Amino acid sequence: MRSRYCKACDGWHDLEAPWPAACIPRASSTRAAFPAPYVMGDIEEYRSPIDGKLISSRSSRREDLKVNGCVEWEPGVGKTVAQKGRTPGKYRNPRFAAKHRLPLSDEGQQRARQMKQEQG
């Protein structure tokens, strides 16, 4: 006769007989009672800060980031605009701003003047 120790009732059960129903462990499910897919809504339209193109969906946003060699911002990654001393919506690089017809910050205007003096 072979028997096995049962942790549920702290006793021994004969392996030749069926295991007692009271000692069968209940399977705990981590799933919801009725699983459903998570559907994420689309994003609001905005203008790309890089080239000014209209971004109206998540796929166009991913494409814009890919084309311009950018990565998606996540909280806690890098410094914020205010921490870096930048003016939101204005750019410090005169060449970049001129190429994309974007406004320059005060620091960018100073750099543009310095570049003109060095060239001229």
PDB file of N, CA and C in Angstrom:
ATOM      1  N   MET A   1       0.838  -1.178   0.000  1.00  0.00           N
ATOM      2  CA  MET A   1       0.000   0.000   0.000  1.00  0.00           C
ATOM      3  C   MET A   1       0.885   1.245   0.000  1.00  0.00           C
ATOM      4  N   ARG A   2       0.624   2.096  -0.979  1.00  0.00           N
ATOM      5  CA  ARG A   2       1.382   3.343  -1.067  1.00  0.00           C
ATOM      6  C   ARG A   2       0.496   4.477  -0.579  1.00  0.00           C
ATOM      7  N   SER A   3       1.090   5.385   0.137  1.00  0.00           N
ATOM      8  CA  SER A   3       0.323   6.526   0.630  1.00  0.00           C
ATOM      9  C   SER A   3       1.153   7.808   0.479  1.00  0.00           C
ATOM     10  N   ARG A   4       0.461   8.910   0.514  1.00  0.00           N
ATOM     11  CA  ARG A   4       1.119  10.209   0.357  1.00  0.00           C
ATOM     12  C   ARG A   4       0.582  11.163   1.416  1.00  0.00           C
ATOM     13  N   TYR A   5       1.481  12.017   1.915  1.00  0.00           N
ATOM     14  CA  TYR A   5       1.112  12.998   2.931  1.00  0.00           C
ATOM     15  C   TYR A   5       0.282  14.109   2.293  1.00  0.00           C
ATOM     16  N   CYS A   6      -0.784  14.536   2.957  1.00  0.00           N
ATOM     17  CA  CYS A   6      -1.672  15.589   2.466  1.00  0.00           C
ATOM     18  C   CYS A   6      -1.461  16.847   3.302  1.00  0.00           C
ATOM     19  N   LYS A   7      -1.089  17.941   2.662  1.00  0.00           N
ATOM     20  CA  LYS A   7      -0.882  19.209   3.366  1.00  0.00           C
ATOM     21  C   LYS A   7      -2.202  19.853   3.756  1.00  0.00           C
ATOM     22  N   ALA A   8      -3.270  19.548   3.023  1.00  0.00           N
ATOM     23  CA  ALA A   8      -4.566  20.168   3.292  1.00  0.00           C
ATOM     24  C   ALA A   8      -5.163  19.690   4.618  1.00  0.00           C
ATOM     25  N   CYS A   9      -5.127  18.387   4.875  1.00  0.00           N
ATOM     26  CA  CYS A   9      -5.737  17.858   6.105  1.00  0.00           C
ATOM     27  C   CYS A   9      -4.701  17.369   7.111  1.00  0.00           C
ATOM     28  N   ASP A  10      -3.415  17.477   6.767  1.00  0.00           N
ATOM     29  CA  ASP A  10      -2.325  17.074   7.646  1.00  0.00           C
ATOM     30  C   ASP A  10      -2.395  15.575   7.966  1.00  0.00           C
ATOM     31  N   GLY A  11      -2.789  14.788   6.954  1.00  0.00           N
ATOM     32  CA  GLY A  11      -2.894  13.342   7.139  1.00  0.00           C
ATOM     33  C   GLY A  11      -2.302  12.603   5.954  1.00  0.00           C
ATOM     34  N   TRP A  12      -2.446  11.258   5.943  1.00  0.00           N
ATOM     35  CA  TRP A  12      -1.944  10.414   4.873  1.00  0.00           C
ATOM     36  C   TRP A  12      -3.114   9.805   4.118  1.00  0.00           C
ATOM     37  N   HIS A  13      -2.982   9.713   2.789  1.00  0.00           N
ATOM     38  CA  HIS A  13      -4.042   9.138   1.954  1.00  0.00           C
ATOM     39  C   HIS A  13      -3.464   8.024   1.102  1.00  0.00           C
ATOM     40  N   ASP A  14      -4.260   6.988   0.908  1.00  0.00           N
ATOM     41  CA  ASP A  14      -3.883   5.854   0.090  1.00  0.00           C
ATOM     42  C   ASP A  14      -3.900   6.279  -1.379  1.00  0.00           C
ATOM     43  N   LEU A  15      -2.827   6.012  -2.112  1.00  0.00           N
ATOM     44  CA  LEU A  15      -2.732   6.401  -3.517  1.00  0.00           C
ATOM     45  C   LEU A  15      -3.570   5.507  -4.420  1.00  0.00           C
ATOM     46  N   GLU A  16      -3.974   4.328  -3.943  1.00  0.00           N
ATOM     47  CA  GLU A  16      -4.807   3.421  -4.736  1.00  0.00           C
ATOM     48  C   GLU A  16      -6.247   3.936  -4.792  1.00  0.00           C
ATOM     49  N   ALA A  17      -6.665   4.701  -3.790  1.00  0.00           N
ATOM     50  CA  ALA A  17      -8.029   5.254  -3.736  1.00  0.00           C
ATOM     51  C   ALA A  17      -8.021   6.670  -4.315  1.00  0.00           C
ATOM     52  N   PRO A  18      -9.180   7.126  -4.780  1.00  0.00           N
ATOM     53  CA  PRO A  18      -9.227   8.496  -5.286  1.00  0.00           C
ATOM     54  C   PRO A  18      -8.918   9.508  -4.179  1.00  0.00           C
ATOM     55  N   TRP A  19      -8.316  10.600  -4.566  1.00  0.00           N
ATOM     56  CA  TRP A  19      -7.943  11.630  -3.598  1.00  0.00           C
ATOM     57  C   TRP A  19      -9.220  12.283  -3.059  1.00  0.00           C
ATOM     58  N   PRO A  20      -9.345  12.513  -1.763  1.00  0.00           N
ATOM     59  CA  PRO A  20     -10.563  13.104  -1.196  1.00  0.00           C
ATOM     60  C   PRO A  20     -10.830  14.509  -1.751  1.00  0.00           C
ATOM     61  N   ALA A  21     -12.081  14.784  -2.049  1.00  0.00           N
ATOM     62  CA  ALA A  21     -12.453  16.079  -2.635  1.00  0.00           C
ATOM     63  C   ALA A  21     -12.126  17.237  -1.703  1.00  0.00           C
ATOM     64  N   ALA A  22     -12.240  17.039  -0.405  1.00  0.00           N
ATOM     65  CA  ALA A  22     -11.968  18.105   0.560  1.00  0.00           C
ATOM     66  C   ALA A  22     -10.487  18.479   0.576  1.00  0.00           C
ATOM     67  N   CYS A  23      -9.616  17.579   0.109  1.00  0.00           N
ATOM     68  CA  CYS A  23      -8.173  17.819   0.146  1.00  0.00           C
ATOM     69  C   CYS A  23      -7.606  18.329  -1.174  1.00  0.00           C
ATOM     70  N   ILE A  24      -8.435  18.415  -2.193  1.00  0.00           N
ATOM     71  CA  ILE A  24      -7.967  18.918  -3.483  1.00  0.00           C
ATOM     72  C   ILE A  24      -7.839  20.444  -3.386  1.00  0.00           C
ATOM     73  N   PRO A  25      -6.656  20.980  -3.663  1.00  0.00           N
ATOM     74  CA  PRO A  25      -6.476  22.435  -3.543  1.00  0.00           C
ATOM     75  C   PRO A  25      -7.288  23.186  -4.596  1.00  0.00           C
ATOM     76  N   ARG A  26      -7.842  24.283  -4.183  1.00  0.00           N
ATOM     77  CA  ARG A  26      -8.605  25.135  -5.101  1.00  0.00           C
ATOM     78  C   ARG A  26      -7.632  25.938  -5.952  1.00  0.00           C
ATOM     79  N   ALA A  27      -7.888  25.979  -7.218  1.00  0.00           N
ATOM     80  CA  ALA A  27      -7.035  26.767  -8.121  1.00  0.00           C
ATOM     81  C   ALA A  27      -7.409  28.239  -7.990  1.00  0.00           C
ATOM     82  N   SER A  28      -6.432  29.043  -7.642  1.00  0.00           N
ATOM     83  CA  SER A  28      -6.712  30.480  -7.540  1.00  0.00           C
ATOM     84  C   SER A  28      -6.447  31.115  -8.899  1.00  0.00           C
ATOM     85  N   SER A  29      -7.411  31.819  -9.367  1.00  0.00           N
ATOM     86  CA  SER A  29      -7.309  32.451 -10.671  1.00  0.00           C
ATOM     87  C   SER A  29      -6.917  33.916 -10.504  1.00  0.00           C
ATOM     88  N   THR A  30      -5.951  34.350 -11.278  1.00  0.00           N
ATOM     89  CA  THR A  30      -5.546  35.756 -11.253  1.00  0.00           C
ATOM     90  C   THR A  30      -6.257  36.546 -12.343  1.00  0.00           C
ATOM     91  N   ARG A  31      -7.026  35.877 -13.155  1.00  0.00           N
ATOM     92  CA  ARG A  31      -7.749  36.550 -14.234  1.00  0.00           C
ATOM     93  C   ARG A  31      -9.051  37.142 -13.720  1.00  0.00           C
ATOM     94  N   ALA A  32      -9.547  38.095 -14.464  1.00  0.00           N
ATOM     95  CA  ALA A  32     -10.826  38.703 -14.122  1.00  0.00           C
ATOM     96  C   ALA A  32     -11.952  37.704 -14.394  1.00  0.00           C
ATOM     97  N   ALA A  33     -13.109  37.939 -13.803  1.00  0.00           N
ATOM     98  CA  ALA A  33     -14.242  37.051 -13.992  1.00  0.00           C
ATOM     99  C   ALA A  33     -14.643  36.987 -15.466  1.00  0.00           C
ATOM    100  N   PHE A  34     -14.562  38.114 -16.157  1.00  0.00           N
ATOM    101  CA  PHE A  34     -14.870  38.138 -17.582  1.00  0.00           C
ATOM    102  C   PHE A  34     -13.796  38.975 -18.277  1.00  0.00           C
ATOM    103  N   PRO A  35     -12.772  38.319 -18.809  1.00  0.00           N
ATOM    104  CA  PRO A  35     -11.680  39.049 -19.433  1.00  0.00           C
ATOM    105  C   PRO A  35     -12.143  39.807 -20.680  1.00  0.00           C
ATOM    106  N   ALA A  36     -11.612  40.992 -20.836  1.00  0.00           N
ATOM    107  CA  ALA A  36     -11.935  41.807 -21.998  1.00  0.00           C
ATOM    108  C   ALA A  36     -10.667  42.527 -22.454  1.00  0.00           C
ATOM    109  N   PRO A  37     -10.544  42.793 -23.728  1.00  0.00           N
ATOM    110  CA  PRO A  37      -9.350  43.500 -24.201  1.00  0.00           C
ATOM    111  C   PRO A  37      -9.356  44.948 -23.732  1.00  0.00           C
ATOM    112  N   TYR A  38      -8.158  45.490 -23.542  1.00  0.00           N
ATOM    113  CA  TYR A  38      -8.014  46.889 -23.162  1.00  0.00           C
ATOM    114  C   TYR A  38      -7.915  47.704 -24.439  1.00  0.00           C
ATOM    115  N   VAL A  39      -8.809  48.638 -24.609  1.00  0.00           N
ATOM    116  CA  VAL A  39      -8.815  49.478 -25.799  1.00  0.00           C
ATOM    117  C   VAL A  39      -8.384  50.878 -25.391  1.00  0.00           C
ATOM    118  N   MET A  40      -7.299  51.325 -25.983  1.00  0.00           N
ATOM    119  CA  MET A  40      -6.774  52.644 -25.669  1.00  0.00           C
ATOM    120  C   MET A  40      -7.296  53.628 -26.710  1.00  0.00           C
ATOM    121  N   GLY A  41      -7.843  54.728 -26.242  1.00  0.00           N
ATOM    122  CA  GLY A  41      -8.370  55.740 -27.147  1.00  0.00           C
ATOM    123  C   GLY A  41      -7.256  56.446 -27.903  1.00  0.00           C
ATOM    124  N   ASP A  42      -7.622  57.124 -28.969  1.00  0.00           N
ATOM    125  CA  ASP A  42      -6.644  57.848 -29.770  1.00  0.00           C
ATOM    126  C   ASP A  42      -6.275  59.154 -29.077  1.00  0.00           C
ATOM    127  N   ILE A  43      -5.227  59.790 -29.551  1.00  0.00           N
ATOM    128  CA  ILE A  43      -4.739  61.022 -28.942  1.00  0.00           C
ATOM    129  C   ILE A  43      -5.376  62.238 -29.606  1.00  0.00           C
ATOM    130  N   GLU A  44      -5.289  63.381 -28.920  1.00  0.00           N
ATOM    131  CA  GLU A  44      -5.800  64.621 -29.496  1.00  0.00           C
ATOM    132  C   GLU A  44      -4.813  65.120 -30.552  1.00  0.00           C
ATOM    133  N   GLU A  45      -5.335  65.843 -31.535  1.00  0.00           N
ATOM    134  CA  GLU A  45      -4.467  66.388 -32.581  1.00  0.00           C
ATOM    135  C   GLU A  45      -3.552  67.453 -32.008  1.00  0.00           C
ATOM    136  N   TYR A  46      -2.318  67.491 -32.520  1.00  0.00           N
ATOM    137  CA  TYR A  46      -1.372  68.535 -32.144  1.00  0.00           C
ATOM    138  C   TYR A  46      -0.367  68.714 -33.263  1.00  0.00           C
ATOM    139  N   ARG A  47       0.379  69.791 -33.206  1.00  0.00           N
ATOM    140  CA  ARG A  47       1.419  70.063 -34.198  1.00  0.00           C
ATOM    141  C   ARG A  47       2.742  69.526 -33.675  1.00  0.00           C
ATOM    142  N   SER A  48       3.494  68.872 -34.538  1.00  0.00           N
ATOM    143  CA  SER A  48       4.790  68.334 -34.165  1.00  0.00           C
ATOM    144  C   SER A  48       5.732  69.485 -33.819  1.00  0.00           C
ATOM    145  N   PRO A  49       6.421  69.423 -32.676  1.00  0.00           N
ATOM    146  CA  PRO A  49       7.357  70.488 -32.345  1.00  0.00           C
ATOM    147  C   PRO A  49       8.602  70.469 -33.217  1.00  0.00           C
ATOM    148  N   ILE A  50       8.809  69.411 -33.966  1.00  0.00           N
ATOM    149  CA  ILE A  50      10.004  69.290 -34.793  1.00  0.00           C
ATOM    150  C   ILE A  50       9.807  69.951 -36.147  1.00  0.00           C
ATOM    151  N   ASP A  51       8.742  69.577 -36.857  1.00  0.00           N
ATOM    152  CA  ASP A  51       8.544  70.123 -38.192  1.00  0.00           C
ATOM    153  C   ASP A  51       7.192  70.795 -38.392  1.00  0.00           C
ATOM    154  N   GLY A  52       6.373  70.861 -37.356  1.00  0.00           N
ATOM    155  CA  GLY A  52       5.093  71.559 -37.450  1.00  0.00           C
ATOM    156  C   GLY A  52       3.991  70.777 -38.144  1.00  0.00           C
ATOM    157  N   LYS A  53       4.243  69.516 -38.491  1.00  0.00           N
ATOM    158  CA  LYS A  53       3.252  68.683 -39.163  1.00  0.00           C
ATOM    159  C   LYS A  53       2.138  68.320 -38.184  1.00  0.00           C
ATOM    160  N   LEU A  54       0.913  68.189 -38.677  1.00  0.00           N
ATOM    161  CA  LEU A  54      -0.226  67.835 -37.842  1.00  0.00           C
ATOM    162  C   LEU A  54      -0.175  66.349 -37.494  1.00  0.00           C
ATOM    163  N   ILE A  55      -0.238  66.046 -36.201  1.00  0.00           N
ATOM    164  CA  ILE A  55      -0.235  64.667 -35.709  1.00  0.00           C
ATOM    165  C   ILE A  55      -1.638  64.401 -35.176  1.00  0.00           C
ATOM    166  N   SER A  56      -2.316  63.412 -35.761  1.00  0.00           N
ATOM    167  CA  SER A  56      -3.711  63.173 -35.395  1.00  0.00           C
ATOM    168  C   SER A  56      -3.986  61.769 -34.868  1.00  0.00           C
ATOM    169  N   SER A  57      -2.984  60.903 -34.854  1.00  0.00           N
ATOM    170  CA  SER A  57      -3.203  59.538 -34.360  1.00  0.00           C
ATOM    171  C   SER A  57      -1.909  59.003 -33.764  1.00  0.00           C
ATOM    172  N   ARG A  58      -2.027  57.906 -33.030  1.00  0.00           N
ATOM    173  CA  ARG A  58      -0.840  57.306 -32.422  1.00  0.00           C
ATOM    174  C   ARG A  58       0.127  56.803 -33.489  1.00  0.00           C
ATOM    175  N   SER A  59      -0.395  56.268 -34.573  1.00  0.00           N
ATOM    176  CA  SER A  59       0.487  55.758 -35.627  1.00  0.00           C
ATOM    177  C   SER A  59       1.243  56.903 -36.304  1.00  0.00           C
ATOM    178  N   SER A  60       0.574  58.039 -36.527  1.00  0.00           N
ATOM    179  CA  SER A  60       1.282  59.170 -37.139  1.00  0.00           C
ATOM    180  C   SER A  60       2.305  59.742 -36.163  1.00  0.00           C
ATOM    181  N   ARG A  61       2.035  59.655 -34.861  1.00  0.00           N
ATOM    182  CA  ARG A  61       3.000  60.114 -33.857  1.00  0.00           C
ATOM    183  C   ARG A  61       4.239  59.230 -33.870  1.00  0.00           C
ATOM    184  N   ARG A  62       4.025  57.900 -33.883  1.00  0.00           N
ATOM    185  CA  ARG A  62       5.164  56.983 -33.943  1.00  0.00           C
ATOM    186  C   ARG A  62       5.995  57.227 -35.198  1.00  0.00           C
ATOM    187  N   GLU A  63       5.326  57.427 -36.321  1.00  0.00           N
ATOM    188  CA  GLU A  63       6.021  57.683 -37.588  1.00  0.00           C
ATOM    189  C   GLU A  63       6.823  58.980 -37.511  1.00  0.00           C
ATOM    190  N   ASP A  64       6.226  60.032 -36.928  1.00  0.00           N
ATOM    191  CA  ASP A  64       6.910  61.317 -36.791  1.00  0.00           C
ATOM    192  C   ASP A  64       8.154  61.166 -35.913  1.00  0.00           C
ATOM    193  N   LEU A  65       8.042  60.437 -34.811  1.00  0.00           N
ATOM    194  CA  LEU A  65       9.193  60.218 -33.942  1.00  0.00           C
ATOM    195  C   LEU A  65      10.284  59.436 -34.663  1.00  0.00           C
ATOM    196  N   LYS A  66       9.882  58.423 -35.418  1.00  0.00           N
ATOM    197  CA  LYS A  66      10.846  57.587 -36.133  1.00  0.00           C
ATOM    198  C   LYS A  66      11.574  58.375 -37.213  1.00  0.00           C
ATOM    199  N   VAL A  67      10.823  59.132 -38.003  1.00  0.00           N
ATOM    200  CA  VAL A  67      11.403  59.898 -39.107  1.00  0.00           C
ATOM    201  C   VAL A  67      12.405  60.933 -38.602  1.00  0.00           C
ATOM    202  N   ASN A  68      12.086  61.559 -37.468  1.00  0.00           N
ATOM    203  CA  ASN A  68      12.934  62.624 -36.942  1.00  0.00           C
ATOM    204  C   ASN A  68      13.968  62.146 -35.935  1.00  0.00           C
ATOM    205  N   GLY A  69      14.068  60.829 -35.741  1.00  0.00           N
ATOM    206  CA  GLY A  69      15.085  60.277 -34.856  1.00  0.00           C
ATOM    207  C   GLY A  69      14.868  60.620 -33.392  1.00  0.00           C
ATOM    208  N   CYS A  70      13.631  60.657 -32.949  1.00  0.00           N
ATOM    209  CA  CYS A  70      13.307  61.007 -31.572  1.00  0.00           C
ATOM    210  C   CYS A  70      12.789  59.785 -30.817  1.00  0.00           C
ATOM    211  N   VAL A  71      12.711  59.905 -29.499  1.00  0.00           N
ATOM    212  CA  VAL A  71      12.139  58.862 -28.665  1.00  0.00           C
ATOM    213  C   VAL A  71      11.001  59.453 -27.868  1.00  0.00           C
ATOM    214  N   GLU A  72      10.082  58.595 -27.452  1.00  0.00           N
ATOM    215  CA  GLU A  72       8.931  59.042 -26.685  1.00  0.00           C
ATOM    216  C   GLU A  72       9.371  59.423 -25.280  1.00  0.00           C
ATOM    217  N   TRP A  73       8.871  60.537 -24.786  1.00  0.00           N
ATOM    218  CA  TRP A  73       9.224  61.004 -23.457  1.00  0.00           C
ATOM    219  C   TRP A  73       8.473  60.195 -22.425  1.00  0.00           C
ATOM    220  N   GLU A  74       9.172  59.872 -21.338  1.00  0.00           N
ATOM    221  CA  GLU A  74       8.542  59.186 -20.221  1.00  0.00           C
ATOM    222  C   GLU A  74       8.877  59.943 -18.951  1.00  0.00           C
ATOM    223  N   PRO A  75       7.980  59.946 -17.975  1.00  0.00           N
ATOM    224  CA  PRO A  75       8.250  60.665 -16.735  1.00  0.00           C
ATOM    225  C   PRO A  75       9.537  60.190 -16.071  1.00  0.00           C
ATOM    226  N   GLY A  76      10.309  61.131 -15.586  1.00  0.00           N
ATOM    227  CA  GLY A  76      11.537  60.802 -14.887  1.00  0.00           C
ATOM    228  C   GLY A  76      12.744  60.632 -15.775  1.00  0.00           C
ATOM    229  N   VAL A  77      12.579  60.714 -17.087  1.00  0.00           N
ATOM    230  CA  VAL A  77      13.699  60.559 -18.003  1.00  0.00           C
ATOM    231  C   VAL A  77      14.175  61.948 -18.403  1.00  0.00           C
ATOM    232  N   GLY A  78      15.396  62.265 -18.080  1.00  0.00           N
ATOM    233  CA  GLY A  78      15.954  63.556 -18.446  1.00  0.00           C
ATOM    234  C   GLY A  78      15.400  64.688 -17.597  1.00  0.00           C
ATOM    235  N   LYS A  79      15.869  65.876 -17.885  1.00  0.00           N
ATOM    236  CA  LYS A  79      15.411  67.044 -17.149  1.00  0.00           C
ATOM    237  C   LYS A  79      14.221  67.670 -17.857  1.00  0.00           C
ATOM    238  N   THR A  80      13.422  68.410 -17.095  1.00  0.00           N
ATOM    239  CA  THR A  80      12.295  69.104 -17.698  1.00  0.00           C
ATOM    240  C   THR A  80      12.795  70.359 -18.379  1.00  0.00           C
ATOM    241  N   VAL A  81      11.959  70.961 -19.192  1.00  0.00           N
ATOM    242  CA  VAL A  81      12.325  72.174 -19.920  1.00  0.00           C
ATOM    243  C   VAL A  81      12.721  73.276 -18.946  1.00  0.00           C
ATOM    244  N   ALA A  82      11.964  73.423 -17.855  1.00  0.00           N
ATOM    245  CA  ALA A  82      12.258  74.469 -16.879  1.00  0.00           C
ATOM    246  C   ALA A  82      13.596  74.215 -16.182  1.00  0.00           C
ATOM    247  N   GLN A  83      13.930  72.953 -15.919  1.00  0.00           N
ATOM    248  CA  GLN A  83      15.189  72.635 -15.259  1.00  0.00           C
ATOM    249  C   GLN A  83      16.379  72.929 -16.162  1.00  0.00           C
ATOM    250  N   LYS A  84      16.195  72.827 -17.466  1.00  0.00           N
ATOM    251  CA  LYS A  84      17.291  73.087 -18.394  1.00  0.00           C
ATOM    252  C   LYS A  84      17.407  74.571 -18.737  1.00  0.00           C
ATOM    253  N   GLY A  85      16.498  75.393 -18.239  1.00  0.00           N
ATOM    254  CA  GLY A  85      16.559  76.824 -18.508  1.00  0.00           C
ATOM    255  C   GLY A  85      16.110  77.185 -19.912  1.00  0.00           C
ATOM    256  N   ARG A  86      15.229  76.424 -20.476  1.00  0.00           N
ATOM    257  CA  ARG A  86      14.751  76.687 -21.839  1.00  0.00           C
ATOM    258  C   ARG A  86      13.415  77.396 -21.818  1.00  0.00           C
ATOM    259  N   THR A  87      13.118  78.044 -22.923  1.00  0.00           N
ATOM    260  CA  THR A  87      11.830  78.692 -23.106  1.00  0.00           C
ATOM    261  C   THR A  87      10.958  77.751 -23.923  1.00  0.00           C
ATOM    262  N   PRO A  88       9.834  77.293 -23.380  1.00  0.00           N
ATOM    263  CA  PRO A  88       8.984  76.364 -24.135  1.00  0.00           C
ATOM    264  C   PRO A  88       8.503  76.980 -25.449  1.00  0.00           C
ATOM    265  N   GLY A  89       8.600  76.213 -26.526  1.00  0.00           N
ATOM    266  CA  GLY A  89       8.128  76.661 -27.825  1.00  0.00           C
ATOM    267  C   GLY A  89       9.131  77.478 -28.604  1.00  0.00           C
ATOM    268  N   LYS A  90      10.298  77.756 -28.029  1.00  0.00           N
ATOM    269  CA  LYS A  90      11.347  78.517 -28.722  1.00  0.00           C
ATOM    270  C   LYS A  90      12.623  77.697 -28.710  1.00  0.00           C
ATOM    271  N   TYR A  91      13.499  77.974 -29.672  1.00  0.00           N
ATOM    272  CA  TYR A  91      14.666  77.130 -29.873  1.00  0.00           C
ATOM    273  C   TYR A  91      15.953  77.922 -29.710  1.00  0.00           C
ATOM    274  N   ARG A  92      17.007  77.224 -29.238  1.00  0.00           N
ATOM    275  CA  ARG A  92      18.301  77.864 -29.001  1.00  0.00           C
ATOM    276  C   ARG A  92      19.238  77.730 -30.189  1.00  0.00           C
ATOM    277  N   ASN A  93      19.006  76.755 -31.042  1.00  0.00           N
ATOM    278  CA  ASN A  93      19.896  76.511 -32.170  1.00  0.00           C
ATOM    279  C   ASN A  93      19.441  77.339 -33.368  1.00  0.00           C
ATOM    280  N   PRO A  94      20.198  78.386 -33.745  1.00  0.00           N
ATOM    281  CA  PRO A  94      19.772  79.254 -34.853  1.00  0.00           C
ATOM    282  C   PRO A  94      19.642  78.526 -36.192  1.00  0.00           C
ATOM    283  N   ARG A  95      20.552  77.589 -36.475  1.00  0.00           N
ATOM    284  CA  ARG A  95      20.490  76.866 -37.765  1.00  0.00           C
ATOM    285  C   ARG A  95      19.229  76.016 -37.851  1.00  0.00           C
ATOM    286  N   PHE A  96      18.934  75.290 -36.758  1.00  0.00           N
ATOM    287  CA  PHE A  96      17.742  74.450 -36.729  1.00  0.00           C
ATOM    288  C   PHE A  96      16.483  75.302 -36.863  1.00  0.00           C
ATOM    289  N   ALA A  97      16.428  76.394 -36.112  1.00  0.00           N
ATOM    290  CA  ALA A  97      15.253  77.275 -36.157  1.00  0.00           C
ATOM    291  C   ALA A  97      15.068  77.877 -37.545  1.00  0.00           C
ATOM    292  N   ALA A  98      16.158  78.271 -38.179  1.00  0.00           N
ATOM    293  CA  ALA A  98      16.063  78.855 -39.525  1.00  0.00           C
ATOM    294  C   ALA A  98      15.624  77.800 -40.540  1.00  0.00           C
ATOM    295  N   LYS A  99      16.162  76.616 -40.423  1.00  0.00           N
ATOM    296  CA  LYS A  99      15.823  75.537 -41.364  1.00  0.00           C
ATOM    297  C   LYS A  99      14.341  75.187 -41.299  1.00  0.00           C
ATOM    298  N   HIS A 100      13.788  75.164 -40.079  1.00  0.00           N
ATOM    299  CA  HIS A 100      12.395  74.760 -39.903  1.00  0.00           C
ATOM    300  C   HIS A 100      11.452  75.938 -39.661  1.00  0.00           C
ATOM    301  N   ARG A 101      11.982  77.144 -39.810  1.00  0.00           N
ATOM    302  CA  ARG A 101      11.197  78.377 -39.631  1.00  0.00           C
ATOM    303  C   ARG A 101      10.492  78.404 -38.275  1.00  0.00           C
ATOM    304  N   LEU A 102      11.286  78.234 -37.230  1.00  0.00           N
ATOM    305  CA  LEU A 102      10.771  78.210 -35.865  1.00  0.00           C
ATOM    306  C   LEU A 102      11.301  79.419 -35.100  1.00  0.00           C
ATOM    307  N   PRO A 103      10.604  79.852 -34.049  1.00  0.00           N
ATOM    308  CA  PRO A 103      11.053  81.022 -33.290  1.00  0.00           C
ATOM    309  C   PRO A 103      12.284  80.709 -32.432  1.00  0.00           C
ATOM    310  N   LEU A 104      13.143  81.718 -32.256  1.00  0.00           N
ATOM    311  CA  LEU A 104      14.329  81.579 -31.428  1.00  0.00           C
ATOM    312  C   LEU A 104      14.079  82.120 -30.030  1.00  0.00           C
ATOM    313  N   SER A 105      14.718  81.493 -29.050  1.00  0.00           N
ATOM    314  CA  SER A 105      14.676  82.014 -27.685  1.00  0.00           C
ATOM    315  C   SER A 105      15.676  83.164 -27.592  1.00  0.00           C
ATOM    316  N   ASP A 106      15.730  83.822 -26.450  1.00  0.00           N
ATOM    317  CA  ASP A 106      16.686  84.919 -26.258  1.00  0.00           C
ATOM    318  C   ASP A 106      18.115  84.410 -26.416  1.00  0.00           C
ATOM    319  N   GLU A 107      18.393  83.251 -25.852  1.00  0.00           N
ATOM    320  CA  GLU A 107      19.724  82.657 -25.976  1.00  0.00           C
ATOM    321  C   GLU A 107      20.033  82.331 -27.440  1.00  0.00           C
ATOM    322  N   GLY A 108      19.031  81.854 -28.177  1.00  0.00           N
ATOM    323  CA  GLY A 108      19.219  81.551 -29.599  1.00  0.00           C
ATOM    324  C   GLY A 108      19.500  82.802 -30.412  1.00  0.00           C
ATOM    325  N   GLN A 109      18.843  83.900 -30.074  1.00  0.00           N
ATOM    326  CA  GLN A 109      19.105  85.158 -30.774  1.00  0.00           C
ATOM    327  C   GLN A 109      20.522  85.649 -30.505  1.00  0.00           C
ATOM    328  N   GLN A 110      21.006  85.489 -29.270  1.00  0.00           N
ATOM    329  CA  GLN A 110      22.384  85.858 -28.948  1.00  0.00           C
ATOM    330  C   GLN A 110      23.369  85.000 -29.738  1.00  0.00           C
ATOM    331  N   ARG A 111      23.099  83.724 -29.828  1.00  0.00           N
ATOM    332  CA  ARG A 111      23.965  82.835 -30.606  1.00  0.00           C
ATOM    333  C   ARG A 111      23.978  83.217 -32.080  1.00  0.00           C
ATOM    334  N   ALA A 112      22.799  83.578 -32.615  1.00  0.00           N
ATOM    335  CA  ALA A 112      22.722  83.978 -34.027  1.00  0.00           C
ATOM    336  C   ALA A 112      23.568  85.222 -34.264  1.00  0.00           C
ATOM    337  N   ARG A 113      23.509  86.203 -33.354  1.00  0.00           N
ATOM    338  CA  ARG A 113      24.336  87.419 -33.486  1.00  0.00           C
ATOM    339  C   ARG A 113      25.823  87.078 -33.437  1.00  0.00           C
ATOM    340  N   GLN A 114      26.213  86.189 -32.516  1.00  0.00           N
ATOM    341  CA  GLN A 114      27.609  85.785 -32.403  1.00  0.00           C
ATOM    342  C   GLN A 114      28.076  85.091 -33.684  1.00  0.00           C
ATOM    343  N   MET A 115      27.232  84.258 -34.256  1.00  0.00           N
ATOM    344  CA  MET A 115      27.586  83.552 -35.483  1.00  0.00           C
ATOM    345  C   MET A 115      27.773  84.526 -36.633  1.00  0.00           C
ATOM    346  N   LYS A 116      26.913  85.541 -36.695  1.00  0.00           N
ATOM    347  CA  LYS A 116      27.035  86.549 -37.764  1.00  0.00           C
ATOM    348  C   LYS A 116      28.333  87.344 -37.606  1.00  0.00           C
ATOM    349  N   GLN A 117      28.701  87.690 -36.363  1.00  0.00           N
ATOM    350  CA  GLN A 117      29.936  88.437 -36.112  1.00  0.00           C
ATOM    351  C   GLN A 117      31.149  87.611 -36.479  1.00  0.00           C
ATOM    352  N   GLU A 118      31.115  86.308 -36.161  1.00  0.00           N
ATOM    353  CA  GLU A 118      32.240  85.428 -36.479  1.00  0.00           C
ATOM    354  C   GLU A 118      32.397  85.266 -37.990  1.00  0.00           C
ATOM    355  N   GLN A 119      31.292  85.225 -38.715  1.00  0.00           N
ATOM    356  CA  GLN A 119      31.340  85.046 -40.171  1.00  0.00           C
ATOM    357  C   GLN A 119      31.701  86.348 -40.874  1.00  0.00           C
ATOM    358  N   GLY A 120      31.226  87.473 -40.331  1.00  0.00           N
ATOM    359  CA  GLY A 120      31.325  88.726 -41.046  1.00  0.00           C
ATOM    360  C   GLY A 120      32.514  89.527 -40.722  1.00  0.00           C
TER     361      GLY A 120
END
